[in-house]
PDB file of N, CA and C in Angstrom:
ATOM      1  N   MET A   1     127.329-144.413 177.283  1.00  0.00           N
ATOM      2  CA  MET A   1     127.474-145.479 176.923  1.00  0.00           C
ATOM      3  C   MET A   1     127.490-146.800 177.620  1.00  0.00           C
ATOM      4  N   LEU A   2     126.476-147.379 178.305  1.00  0.00           N
ATOM      5  CA  LEU A   2     126.188-148.440 179.335  1.00  0.00           C
ATOM      6  C   LEU A   2     127.555-149.168 179.762  1.00  0.00           C
ATOM      7  N   LYS A   3     128.373-149.700 178.471  1.00  0.00           N
ATOM      8  CA  LYS A   3     129.262-150.639 178.026  1.00  0.00           C
ATOM      9  C   LYS A   3     130.335-149.967 178.747  1.00  0.00           C
ATOM     10  N   GLU A   4     130.462-148.450 178.450  1.00  0.00           N
ATOM     11  CA  GLU A   4     131.832-148.127 179.289  1.00  0.00           C
ATOM     12  C   GLU A   4     131.856-147.879 180.646  1.00  0.00           C
ATOM     13  N   LYS A   5     130.652-148.069 181.153  1.00  0.00           N
ATOM     14  CA  LYS A   5     130.729-147.944 182.933  1.00  0.00           C
ATOM     15  C   LYS A   5     131.207-149.088 183.606  1.00  0.00           C
ATOM     16  N   LYS A   6     131.218-149.246 184.712  1.00  0.00           N
ATOM     17  CA  LYS A   6     131.803-150.293 185.411  1.00  0.00           C
ATOM     18  C   LYS A   6     130.311-150.736 186.275  1.00  0.00           C
ATOM     19  N   CYS A   7     130.227-151.851 186.893  1.00  0.00           N
ATOM     20  CA  CYS A   7     129.165-152.801 187.420  1.00  0.00           C
ATOM     21  C   CYS A   7     129.402-152.180 189.118  1.00  0.00           C
ATOM     22  N   ILE A   8     128.599-151.937 189.657  1.00  0.00           N
ATOM     23  CA  ILE A   8     129.049-151.038 191.151  1.00  0.00           C
ATOM     24  C   ILE A   8     128.204-152.826 191.802  1.00  0.00           C
ATOM     25  N   PRO A   9     128.825-153.349 192.485  1.00  0.00           N
ATOM     26  CA  PRO A   9     128.495-154.165 193.647  1.00  0.00           C
ATOM     27  C   PRO A   9     127.251-153.638 194.473  1.00  0.00           C
ATOM     28  N   CYS A  10     126.081-154.286 194.641  1.00  0.00           N
ATOM     29  CA  CYS A  10     124.718-154.150 195.285  1.00  0.00           C
ATOM     30  C   CYS A  10     125.048-155.334 197.027  1.00  0.00           C
ATOM     31  N   SER A  11     125.030-154.228 197.931  1.00  0.00           N
ATOM     32  CA  SER A  11     125.097-154.906 199.072  1.00  0.00           C
ATOM     33  C   SER A  11     123.490-154.778 199.730  1.00  0.00           C
ATOM     34  N   GLY A  12     122.675-154.564 199.160  1.00  0.00           N
ATOM     35  CA  GLY A  12     121.186-154.847 199.457  1.00  0.00           C
ATOM     36  C   GLY A  12     120.786-153.796 200.120  1.00  0.00           C
ATOM     37  N   GLY A  13     119.870-153.375 200.286  1.00  0.00           N
ATOM     38  CA  GLY A  13     119.149-152.487 200.839  1.00  0.00           C
ATOM     39  C   GLY A  13     118.441-151.126 200.100  1.00  0.00           C
ATOM     40  N   VAL A  14     118.867-151.416 198.780  1.00  0.00           N
ATOM     41  CA  VAL A  14     118.508-150.671 197.523  1.00  0.00           C
ATOM     42  C   VAL A  14     117.067-150.950 197.115  1.00  0.00           C
ATOM     43  N   PRO A  15     116.251-150.138 196.518  1.00  0.00           N
ATOM     44  CA  PRO A  15     115.207-150.539 195.390  1.00  0.00           C
ATOM     45  C   PRO A  15     115.404-151.003 194.382  1.00  0.00           C
ATOM     46  N   PRO A  16     114.841-152.114 193.781  1.00  0.00           N
ATOM     47  CA  PRO A  16     115.098-152.179 192.043  1.00  0.00           C
ATOM     48  C   PRO A  16     114.517-150.709 191.211  1.00  0.00           C
ATOM     49  N   LEU A  17     114.929-150.982 190.428  1.00  0.00           N
ATOM     50  CA  LEU A  17     114.874-150.000 189.499  1.00  0.00           C
ATOM     51  C   LEU A  17     113.142-149.762 189.321  1.00  0.00           C
ATOM     52  N   PRO A  18     112.769-148.623 189.006  1.00  0.00           N
ATOM     53  CA  PRO A  18     110.918-148.491 188.864  1.00  0.00           C
ATOM     54  C   PRO A  18     110.698-148.977 186.872  1.00  0.00           C
ATOM     55  N   GLU A  19     110.209-149.164 186.941  1.00  0.00           N
ATOM     56  CA  GLU A  19     109.691-149.659 185.627  1.00  0.00           C
ATOM     57  C   GLU A  19     110.266-148.603 184.531  1.00  0.00           C
ATOM     58  N   ASP A  20     109.784-147.205 185.006  1.00  0.00           N
ATOM     59  CA  ASP A  20     109.900-146.384 183.659  1.00  0.00           C
ATOM     60  C   ASP A  20     111.466-146.576 183.487  1.00  0.00           C
ATOM     61  N   GLU A  21     112.547-146.947 184.640  1.00  0.00           N
ATOM     62  CA  GLU A  21     113.858-146.738 184.074  1.00  0.00           C
ATOM     63  C   GLU A  21     114.360-147.463 183.398  1.00  0.00           C
ATOM     64  N   ILE A  22     113.565-149.196 183.815  1.00  0.00           N
ATOM     65  CA  ILE A  22     114.052-150.238 183.215  1.00  0.00           C
ATOM     66  C   ILE A  22     113.454-150.687 181.629  1.00  0.00           C
ATOM     67  N   LEU A  23     112.418-149.811 181.320  1.00  0.00           N
ATOM     68  CA  LEU A  23     112.184-149.384 180.195  1.00  0.00           C
ATOM     69  C   LEU A  23     113.457-148.395 179.295  1.00  0.00           C
ATOM     70  N   LYS A  24     113.962-147.523 179.971  1.00  0.00           N
ATOM     71  CA  LYS A  24     114.770-146.709 179.282  1.00  0.00           C
ATOM     72  C   LYS A  24     116.064-146.959 179.370  1.00  0.00           C
ATOM     73  N   PHE A  25     116.526-148.121 180.110  1.00  0.00           N
ATOM     74  CA  PHE A  25     117.733-148.692 179.972  1.00  0.00           C
ATOM     75  C   PHE A  25     117.644-150.057 178.938  1.00  0.00           C
ATOM     76  N   LYS A  26     116.670-150.733 179.156  1.00  0.00           N
ATOM     77  CA  LYS A  26     116.320-151.619 177.911  1.00  0.00           C
ATOM     78  C   LYS A  26     116.197-151.238 176.520  1.00  0.00           C
ATOM     79  N   GLU A  27     116.516-150.329 175.904  1.00  0.00           N
ATOM     80  CA  GLU A  27     116.890-149.552 174.920  1.00  0.00           C
ATOM     81  C   GLU A  27     117.904-149.383 174.238  1.00  0.00           C
ATOM     82  N   GLU A  28     118.638-149.337 175.516  1.00  0.00           N
ATOM     83  CA  GLU A  28     120.046-149.213 175.617  1.00  0.00           C
ATOM     84  C   GLU A  28     120.839-150.770 175.291  1.00  0.00           C
ATOM     85  N   ILE A  29     120.376-151.521 175.307  1.00  0.00           N
ATOM     86  CA  ILE A  29     121.006-152.956 175.250  1.00  0.00           C
ATOM     87  C   ILE A  29     120.349-153.162 174.083  1.00  0.00           C
ATOM     88  N   SER A  30     121.238-154.776 173.259  1.00  0.00           N
ATOM     89  CA  SER A  30     120.552-155.639 172.108  1.00  0.00           C
ATOM     90  C   SER A  30     119.159-155.861 172.266  1.00  0.00           C
ATOM     91  N   PRO A  31     118.076-155.702 171.395  1.00  0.00           N
ATOM     92  CA  PRO A  31     116.777-156.177 171.619  1.00  0.00           C
ATOM     93  C   PRO A  31     116.375-157.640 171.656  1.00  0.00           C
ATOM     94  N   GLU A  32     117.392-158.021 171.435  1.00  0.00           N
ATOM     95  CA  GLU A  32     117.699-159.803 172.343  1.00  0.00           C
ATOM     96  C   GLU A  32     117.461-159.902 173.201  1.00  0.00           C
ATOM     97  N   TRP A  33     117.592-159.379 174.179  1.00  0.00           N
ATOM     98  CA  TRP A  33     117.592-159.506 175.608  1.00  0.00           C
ATOM     99  C   TRP A  33     115.923-159.397 176.042  1.00  0.00           C
ATOM    100  N   SER A  34     115.203-159.645 176.637  1.00  0.00           N
ATOM    101  CA  SER A  34     114.152-159.990 176.970  1.00  0.00           C
ATOM    102  C   SER A  34     114.153-159.588 178.374  1.00  0.00           C
ATOM    103  N   LEU A  35     112.768-159.174 179.028  1.00  0.00           N
ATOM    104  CA  LEU A  35     112.763-158.687 180.572  1.00  0.00           C
ATOM    105  C   LEU A  35     111.841-160.279 180.947  1.00  0.00           C
ATOM    106  N   THR A  36     112.257-160.794 182.295  1.00  0.00           N
ATOM    107  CA  THR A  36     111.283-161.682 182.765  1.00  0.00           C
ATOM    108  C   THR A  36     110.959-161.873 183.992  1.00  0.00           C
ATOM    109  N   HIS A  37     110.162-162.869 184.573  1.00  0.00           N
ATOM    110  CA  HIS A  37     109.947-162.989 186.006  1.00  0.00           C
ATOM    111  C   HIS A  37     109.004-161.501 186.500  1.00  0.00           C
ATOM    112  N   ASN A  38     108.591-160.906 185.775  1.00  0.00           N
ATOM    113  CA  ASN A  38     107.559-159.735 186.074  1.00  0.00           C
ATOM    114  C   ASN A  38     108.662-158.649 185.548  1.00  0.00           C
ATOM    115  N   ASN A  39     109.070-158.729 185.198  1.00  0.00           N
ATOM    116  CA  ASN A  39     110.289-157.106 184.912  1.00  0.00           C
ATOM    117  C   ASN A  39     111.475-157.337 185.860  1.00  0.00           C
ATOM    118  N   THR A  40     111.645-158.506 186.229  1.00  0.00           N
ATOM    119  CA  THR A  40     113.149-157.977 187.339  1.00  0.00           C
ATOM    120  C   THR A  40     114.105-158.871 186.967  1.00  0.00           C
ATOM    121  N   ARG A  41     114.148-159.451 185.617  1.00  0.00           N
ATOM    122  CA  ARG A  41     115.405-160.093 185.509  1.00  0.00           C
ATOM    123  C   ARG A  41     115.921-160.264 183.950  1.00  0.00           C
ATOM    124  N   LEU A  42     116.865-160.036 183.229  1.00  0.00           N
ATOM    125  CA  LEU A  42     117.211-159.881 181.691  1.00  0.00           C
ATOM    126  C   LEU A  42     117.554-161.407 181.605  1.00  0.00           C
ATOM    127  N   LEU A  43     117.157-161.481 180.553  1.00  0.00           N
ATOM    128  CA  LEU A  43     117.250-163.144 179.779  1.00  0.00           C
ATOM    129  C   LEU A  43     117.465-162.530 178.171  1.00  0.00           C
ATOM    130  N   ARG A  44     118.564-163.591 177.707  1.00  0.00           N
ATOM    131  CA  ARG A  44     119.137-163.170 176.160  1.00  0.00           C
ATOM    132  C   ARG A  44     119.640-165.079 176.157  1.00  0.00           C
ATOM    133  N   LYS A  45     119.190-165.362 174.982  1.00  0.00           N
ATOM    134  CA  LYS A  45     119.378-166.990 174.953  1.00  0.00           C
ATOM    135  C   LYS A  45     120.563-166.635 173.237  1.00  0.00           C
ATOM    136  N   ILE A  46     121.361-167.299 173.005  1.00  0.00           N
ATOM    137  CA  ILE A  46     122.139-167.427 172.152  1.00  0.00           C
ATOM    138  C   ILE A  46     122.472-168.572 171.353  1.00  0.00           C
ATOM    139  N   LYS A  47     122.261-168.817 169.569  1.00  0.00           N
ATOM    140  CA  LYS A  47     122.661-170.352 169.276  1.00  0.00           C
ATOM    141  C   LYS A  47     123.543-170.035 168.611  1.00  0.00           C
ATOM    142  N   PHE A  48     124.206-170.896 168.975  1.00  0.00           N
ATOM    143  CA  PHE A  48     125.424-171.586 168.193  1.00  0.00           C
ATOM    144  C   PHE A  48     125.458-172.815 167.550  1.00  0.00           C
ATOM    145  N   LYS A  49     126.564-172.635 166.433  1.00  0.00           N
ATOM    146  CA  LYS A  49     126.650-174.202 165.786  1.00  0.00           C
ATOM    147  C   LYS A  49     126.863-175.544 166.665  1.00  0.00           C
ATOM    148  N   ASP A  50     127.817-175.010 167.974  1.00  0.00           N
ATOM    149  CA  ASP A  50     128.085-176.109 168.614  1.00  0.00           C
ATOM    150  C   ASP A  50     128.551-175.931 170.098  1.00  0.00           C
ATOM    151  N   PHE A  51     128.739-177.309 170.875  1.00  0.00           N
ATOM    152  CA  PHE A  51     129.050-176.660 172.473  1.00  0.00           C
ATOM    153  C   PHE A  51     130.394-175.670 172.222  1.00  0.00           C
ATOM    154  N   LYS A  52     130.777-176.173 171.569  1.00  0.00           N
ATOM    155  CA  LYS A  52     132.500-175.322 171.656  1.00  0.00           C
ATOM    156  C   LYS A  52     132.319-173.894 171.964  1.00  0.00           C
ATOM    157  N   GLU A  53     131.492-172.958 170.985  1.00  0.00           N
ATOM    158  CA  GLU A  53     131.372-171.772 170.718  1.00  0.00           C
ATOM    159  C   GLU A  53     130.310-171.528 171.997  1.00  0.00           C
ATOM    160  N   ALA A  54     129.474-172.262 172.112  1.00  0.00           N
ATOM    161  CA  ALA A  54     128.484-171.773 173.278  1.00  0.00           C
ATOM    162  C   ALA A  54     129.591-171.289 174.572  1.00  0.00           C
ATOM    163  N   MET A  55     130.122-173.064 174.759  1.00  0.00           N
ATOM    164  CA  MET A  55     131.200-172.855 175.764  1.00  0.00           C
ATOM    165  C   MET A  55     132.337-171.831 176.261  1.00  0.00           C
ATOM    166  N   ASP A  56     132.648-171.185 174.689  1.00  0.00           N
ATOM    167  CA  ASP A  56     134.085-170.009 174.438  1.00  0.00           C
ATOM    168  C   ASP A  56     133.375-168.888 174.767  1.00  0.00           C
ATOM    169  N   LEU A  57     131.933-168.756 174.890  1.00  0.00           N
ATOM    170  CA  LEU A  57     131.493-167.259 175.164  1.00  0.00           C
ATOM    171  C   LEU A  57     131.410-167.120 176.695  1.00  0.00           C
ATOM    172  N   ALA A  58     130.526-168.146 177.363  1.00  0.00           N
ATOM    173  CA  ALA A  58     130.400-168.750 178.547  1.00  0.00           C
ATOM    174  C   ALA A  58     131.868-168.090 178.980  1.00  0.00           C
ATOM    175  N   VAL A  59     132.937-168.574 178.997  1.00  0.00           N
ATOM    176  CA  VAL A  59     133.855-168.522 179.405  1.00  0.00           C
ATOM    177  C   VAL A  59     134.751-167.103 179.559  1.00  0.00           C
ATOM    178  N   LYS A  60     134.397-166.359 178.460  1.00  0.00           N
ATOM    179  CA  LYS A  60     134.765-165.017 178.147  1.00  0.00           C
ATOM    180  C   LYS A  60     133.931-163.884 179.184  1.00  0.00           C
ATOM    181  N   ILE A  61     132.164-164.489 179.332  1.00  0.00           N
ATOM    182  CA  ILE A  61     131.291-163.776 179.934  1.00  0.00           C
ATOM    183  C   ILE A  61     132.117-164.221 181.836  1.00  0.00           C
ATOM    184  N   GLY A  62     132.128-165.170 181.984  1.00  0.00           N
ATOM    185  CA  GLY A  62     132.475-165.930 183.001  1.00  0.00           C
ATOM    186  C   GLY A  62     133.717-164.746 183.666  1.00  0.00           C
ATOM    187  N   GLU A  63     134.887-164.679 182.643  1.00  0.00           N
ATOM    188  CA  GLU A  63     135.835-164.059 183.343  1.00  0.00           C
ATOM    189  C   GLU A  63     135.326-162.340 183.315  1.00  0.00           C
ATOM    190  N   MET A  64     134.756-161.645 182.514  1.00  0.00           N
ATOM    191  CA  MET A  64     133.784-160.607 182.643  1.00  0.00           C
ATOM    192  C   MET A  64     133.389-160.296 184.065  1.00  0.00           C
ATOM    193  N   ALA A  65     132.502-161.440 184.493  1.00  0.00           N
ATOM    194  CA  ALA A  65     131.821-161.446 185.389  1.00  0.00           C
ATOM    195  C   ALA A  65     133.154-161.119 186.705  1.00  0.00           C
ATOM    196  N   ASP A  66     133.533-161.699 186.846  1.00  0.00           N
ATOM    197  CA  ASP A  66     134.669-161.685 187.861  1.00  0.00           C
ATOM    198  C   ASP A  66     135.292-160.607 187.531  1.00  0.00           C
ATOM    199  N   GLU A  67     135.804-159.643 186.581  1.00  0.00           N
ATOM    200  CA  GLU A  67     136.090-158.348 186.458  1.00  0.00           C
ATOM    201  C   GLU A  67     135.520-157.320 187.171  1.00  0.00           C
ATOM    202  N   GLN A  68     134.151-157.569 186.696  1.00  0.00           N
ATOM    203  CA  GLN A  68     132.807-156.678 187.195  1.00  0.00           C
ATOM    204  C   GLN A  68     132.279-157.129 188.174  1.00  0.00           C
ATOM    205  N   TRP A  69     132.435-157.931 189.107  1.00  0.00           N
ATOM    206  CA  TRP A  69     131.996-158.335 190.158  1.00  0.00           C
ATOM    207  C   TRP A  69     130.354-158.337 190.482  1.00  0.00           C
ATOM    208  N   HIS A  70     130.073-159.004 188.966  1.00  0.00           N
ATOM    209  CA  HIS A  70     128.637-159.241 188.636  1.00  0.00           C
ATOM    210  C   HIS A  70     128.314-160.378 187.949  1.00  0.00           C
ATOM    211  N   HIS A  71     127.614-161.542 188.745  1.00  0.00           N
ATOM    212  CA  HIS A  71     127.468-162.566 188.210  1.00  0.00           C
ATOM    213  C   HIS A  71     126.338-162.945 187.515  1.00  0.00           C
ATOM    214  N   PRO A  72     126.392-163.529 186.380  1.00  0.00           N
ATOM    215  CA  PRO A  72     124.811-163.905 185.804  1.00  0.00           C
ATOM    216  C   PRO A  72     124.891-165.277 186.114  1.00  0.00           C
ATOM    217  N   GLU A  73     123.499-165.709 185.811  1.00  0.00           N
ATOM    218  CA  GLU A  73     123.471-167.180 185.404  1.00  0.00           C
ATOM    219  C   GLU A  73     123.794-167.874 184.002  1.00  0.00           C
ATOM    220  N   LEU A  74     124.720-168.719 184.090  1.00  0.00           N
ATOM    221  CA  LEU A  74     124.830-169.044 182.577  1.00  0.00           C
ATOM    222  C   LEU A  74     124.360-170.735 182.467  1.00  0.00           C
ATOM    223  N   VAL A  75     123.400-170.814 181.504  1.00  0.00           N
ATOM    224  CA  VAL A  75     123.404-172.307 180.804  1.00  0.00           C
ATOM    225  C   VAL A  75     123.673-172.347 179.455  1.00  0.00           C
ATOM    226  N   VAL A  76     124.635-173.543 179.438  1.00  0.00           N
ATOM    227  CA  VAL A  76     125.346-173.707 178.523  1.00  0.00           C
ATOM    228  C   VAL A  76     125.115-175.163 177.955  1.00  0.00           C
ATOM    229  N   GLY A  77     124.386-175.761 176.482  1.00  0.00           N
ATOM    230  CA  GLY A  77     124.243-176.456 176.222  1.00  0.00           C
ATOM    231  C   GLY A  77     124.584-176.724 174.866  1.00  0.00           C
ATOM    232  N   TYR A  78     124.446-177.930 174.160  1.00  0.00           N
ATOM    233  CA  TYR A  78     125.041-177.987 172.663  1.00  0.00           C
ATOM    234  C   TYR A  78     123.888-176.808 171.940  1.00  0.00           C
ATOM    235  N   GLY A  79     124.920-176.136 171.479  1.00  0.00           N
ATOM    236  CA  GLY A  79     124.285-174.721 170.552  1.00  0.00           C
ATOM    237  C   GLY A  79     123.587-174.165 171.190  1.00  0.00           C
ATOM    238  N   HIS A  80     123.417-173.431 172.235  1.00  0.00           N
ATOM    239  CA  HIS A  80     122.847-172.418 172.914  1.00  0.00           C
ATOM    240  C   HIS A  80     123.818-171.909 174.101  1.00  0.00           C
ATOM    241  N   LEU A  81     123.672-170.735 174.435  1.00  0.00           N
ATOM    242  CA  LEU A  81     124.199-170.463 175.898  1.00  0.00           C
ATOM    243  C   LEU A  81     122.961-169.393 176.240  1.00  0.00           C
ATOM    244  N   ASP A  82     122.437-169.741 177.756  1.00  0.00           N
ATOM    245  CA  ASP A  82     121.216-168.470 177.952  1.00  0.00           C
ATOM    246  C   ASP A  82     122.030-167.941 179.078  1.00  0.00           C
ATOM    247  N   ILE A  83     121.898-166.267 179.373  1.00  0.00           N
ATOM    248  CA  ILE A  83     122.295-165.861 179.918  1.00  0.00           C
ATOM    249  C   ILE A  83     121.231-164.977 180.813  1.00  0.00           C
ATOM    250  N   GLU A  84     121.194-165.070 182.161  1.00  0.00           N
ATOM    251  CA  GLU A  84     120.198-164.265 182.994  1.00  0.00           C
ATOM    252  C   GLU A  84     120.852-163.757 183.826  1.00  0.00           C
ATOM    253  N   VAL A  85     120.450-162.287 184.171  1.00  0.00           N
ATOM    254  CA  VAL A  85     121.241-161.169 184.793  1.00  0.00           C
ATOM    255  C   VAL A  85     119.866-160.513 185.809  1.00  0.00           C
ATOM    256  N   TRP A  86     119.981-160.519 186.795  1.00  0.00           N
ATOM    257  CA  TRP A  86     119.741-159.716 187.320  1.00  0.00           C
ATOM    258  C   TRP A  86     120.634-159.399 188.885  1.00  0.00           C
ATOM    259  N   THR A  87     119.901-158.648 190.285  1.00  0.00           N
ATOM    260  CA  THR A  87     120.747-158.261 191.414  1.00  0.00           C
ATOM    261  C   THR A  87     119.965-159.204 192.410  1.00  0.00           C
ATOM    262  N   HIS A  88     120.795-160.214 192.592  1.00  0.00           N
ATOM    263  CA  HIS A  88     120.417-161.172 193.610  1.00  0.00           C
ATOM    264  C   HIS A  88     119.832-160.876 194.782  1.00  0.00           C
ATOM    265  N   LYS A  89     121.061-160.061 195.334  1.00  0.00           N
ATOM    266  CA  LYS A  89     121.000-159.557 196.493  1.00  0.00           C
ATOM    267  C   LYS A  89     119.269-158.715 196.950  1.00  0.00           C
ATOM    268  N   ILE A  90     118.412-158.295 195.702  1.00  0.00           N
ATOM    269  CA  ILE A  90     117.618-157.421 195.946  1.00  0.00           C
ATOM    270  C   ILE A  90     116.219-157.927 195.271  1.00  0.00           C
ATOM    271  N   ASN A  91     116.219-159.160 194.070  1.00  0.00           N
ATOM    272  CA  ASN A  91     115.587-159.960 193.552  1.00  0.00           C
ATOM    273  C   ASN A  91     115.317-159.146 192.371  1.00  0.00           C
ATOM    274  N   GLY A  92     116.179-157.897 191.935  1.00  0.00           N
ATOM    275  CA  GLY A  92     115.372-156.892 190.679  1.00  0.00           C
ATOM    276  C   GLY A  92     116.576-156.753 190.137  1.00  0.00           C
ATOM    277  N   LEU A  93     116.227-155.518 189.120  1.00  0.00           N
ATOM    278  CA  LEU A  93     117.214-154.883 188.287  1.00  0.00           C
ATOM    279  C   LEU A  93     117.919-153.648 188.805  1.00  0.00           C
ATOM    280  N   VAL A  94     118.971-152.826 188.772  1.00  0.00           N
ATOM    281  CA  VAL A  94     119.434-152.380 188.927  1.00  0.00           C
ATOM    282  C   VAL A  94     120.286-151.412 187.500  1.00  0.00           C
ATOM    283  N   GLU A  95     120.749-150.433 187.645  1.00  0.00           N
ATOM    284  CA  GLU A  95     121.929-150.044 186.557  1.00  0.00           C
ATOM    285  C   GLU A  95     122.758-150.862 186.170  1.00  0.00           C
ATOM    286  N   SER A  96     123.755-151.829 187.197  1.00  0.00           N
ATOM    287  CA  SER A  96     124.687-152.575 186.802  1.00  0.00           C
ATOM    288  C   SER A  96     124.126-153.287 186.092  1.00  0.00           C
ATOM    289  N   ASP A  97     122.944-154.293 185.898  1.00  0.00           N
ATOM    290  CA  ASP A  97     122.083-155.356 185.366  1.00  0.00           C
ATOM    291  C   ASP A  97     122.202-154.905 184.070  1.00  0.00           C
ATOM    292  N   PHE A  98     122.332-153.520 183.646  1.00  0.00           N
ATOM    293  CA  PHE A  98     121.845-153.326 182.200  1.00  0.00           C
ATOM    294  C   PHE A  98     123.518-153.392 181.790  1.00  0.00           C
ATOM    295  N   ILE A  99     124.457-152.567 182.598  1.00  0.00           N
ATOM    296  CA  ILE A  99     125.761-152.238 182.158  1.00  0.00           C
ATOM    297  C   ILE A  99     126.462-153.371 181.692  1.00  0.00           C
ATOM    298  N   PHE A 100     125.966-154.837 182.534  1.00  0.00           N
ATOM    299  CA  PHE A 100     126.345-155.819 182.134  1.00  0.00           C
ATOM    300  C   PHE A 100     126.134-156.522 180.986  1.00  0.00           C
ATOM    301  N   ALA A 101     124.901-156.250 181.159  1.00  0.00           N
ATOM    302  CA  ALA A 101     124.366-156.906 179.498  1.00  0.00           C
ATOM    303  C   ALA A 101     124.585-156.065 178.130  1.00  0.00           C
ATOM    304  N   ALA A 102     124.922-155.070 178.434  1.00  0.00           N
ATOM    305  CA  ALA A 102     125.781-153.998 177.466  1.00  0.00           C
ATOM    306  C   ALA A 102     127.021-154.601 177.351  1.00  0.00           C
ATOM    307  N   LYS A 103     128.209-155.217 178.252  1.00  0.00           N
ATOM    308  CA  LYS A 103     129.266-155.727 177.986  1.00  0.00           C
ATOM    309  C   LYS A 103     129.118-157.174 177.498  1.00  0.00           C
ATOM    310  N   VAL A 104     128.202-157.760 177.633  1.00  0.00           N
ATOM    311  CA  VAL A 104     128.038-158.965 177.198  1.00  0.00           C
ATOM    312  C   VAL A 104     127.651-158.623 175.288  1.00  0.00           C
ATOM    313  N   ASP A 105     126.605-157.679 175.292  1.00  0.00           N
ATOM    314  CA  ASP A 105     126.823-157.003 173.850  1.00  0.00           C
ATOM    315  C   ASP A 105     127.769-157.285 173.001  1.00  0.00           C
ATOM    316  N   ALA A 106     129.146-156.590 173.804  1.00  0.00           N
ATOM    317  CA  ALA A 106     130.050-155.834 173.140  1.00  0.00           C
ATOM    318  C   ALA A 106     131.005-157.499 172.903  1.00  0.00           C
ATOM    319  N   LEU A 107     130.766-158.384 173.757  1.00  0.00           N
ATOM    320  CA  LEU A 107     131.383-159.681 173.694  1.00  0.00           C
ATOM    321  C   LEU A 107     131.188-160.297 172.681  1.00  0.00           C
ATOM    322  N   TYR A 108     129.869-160.140 172.189  1.00  0.00           N
ATOM    323  CA  TYR A 108     128.918-161.144 171.266  1.00  0.00           C
ATOM    324  C   TYR A 108     128.022-160.345 170.652  1.00  0.00           C
ATOM    325  N   LYS A 109     128.574-160.336 169.156  1.00  0.00           N
ATOM    326  CA  LYS A 109     127.904-159.538 167.774  1.00  0.00           C
ATOM    327  C   LYS A 109     127.313-160.657 167.492  1.00  0.00           C
ATOM    328  N   ASP A 110     126.216-160.357 167.398  1.00  0.00           N
ATOM    329  CA  ASP A 110     125.253-161.196 166.111  1.00  0.00           C
ATOM    330  C   ASP A 110     125.856-161.779 164.831  1.00  0.00           C
TER     331      ASP A 110
END
């Protein structure tokens, strides 16, 4: 299971995953994640009843990001949290991005 694995920091110089592997890993995370930017990023938009709930999850994700050495882009607004994940150094997706997404899924169950 992806959520049981640990993210591996990327120092660059590795190629992004090929499309067939991206699609394989995508099947292992919530269908709420979408591929964006020509399949180089993962995006999940979560709705909440208020700002506090969105911020509470953002804080939990931030703590996990520091533990995993893998940092998403988070956009918090009233009633929503947008989470965007990709490996910045290669501007693409690697297994760690899907591991991180699976860990977000474990933190937030619809």
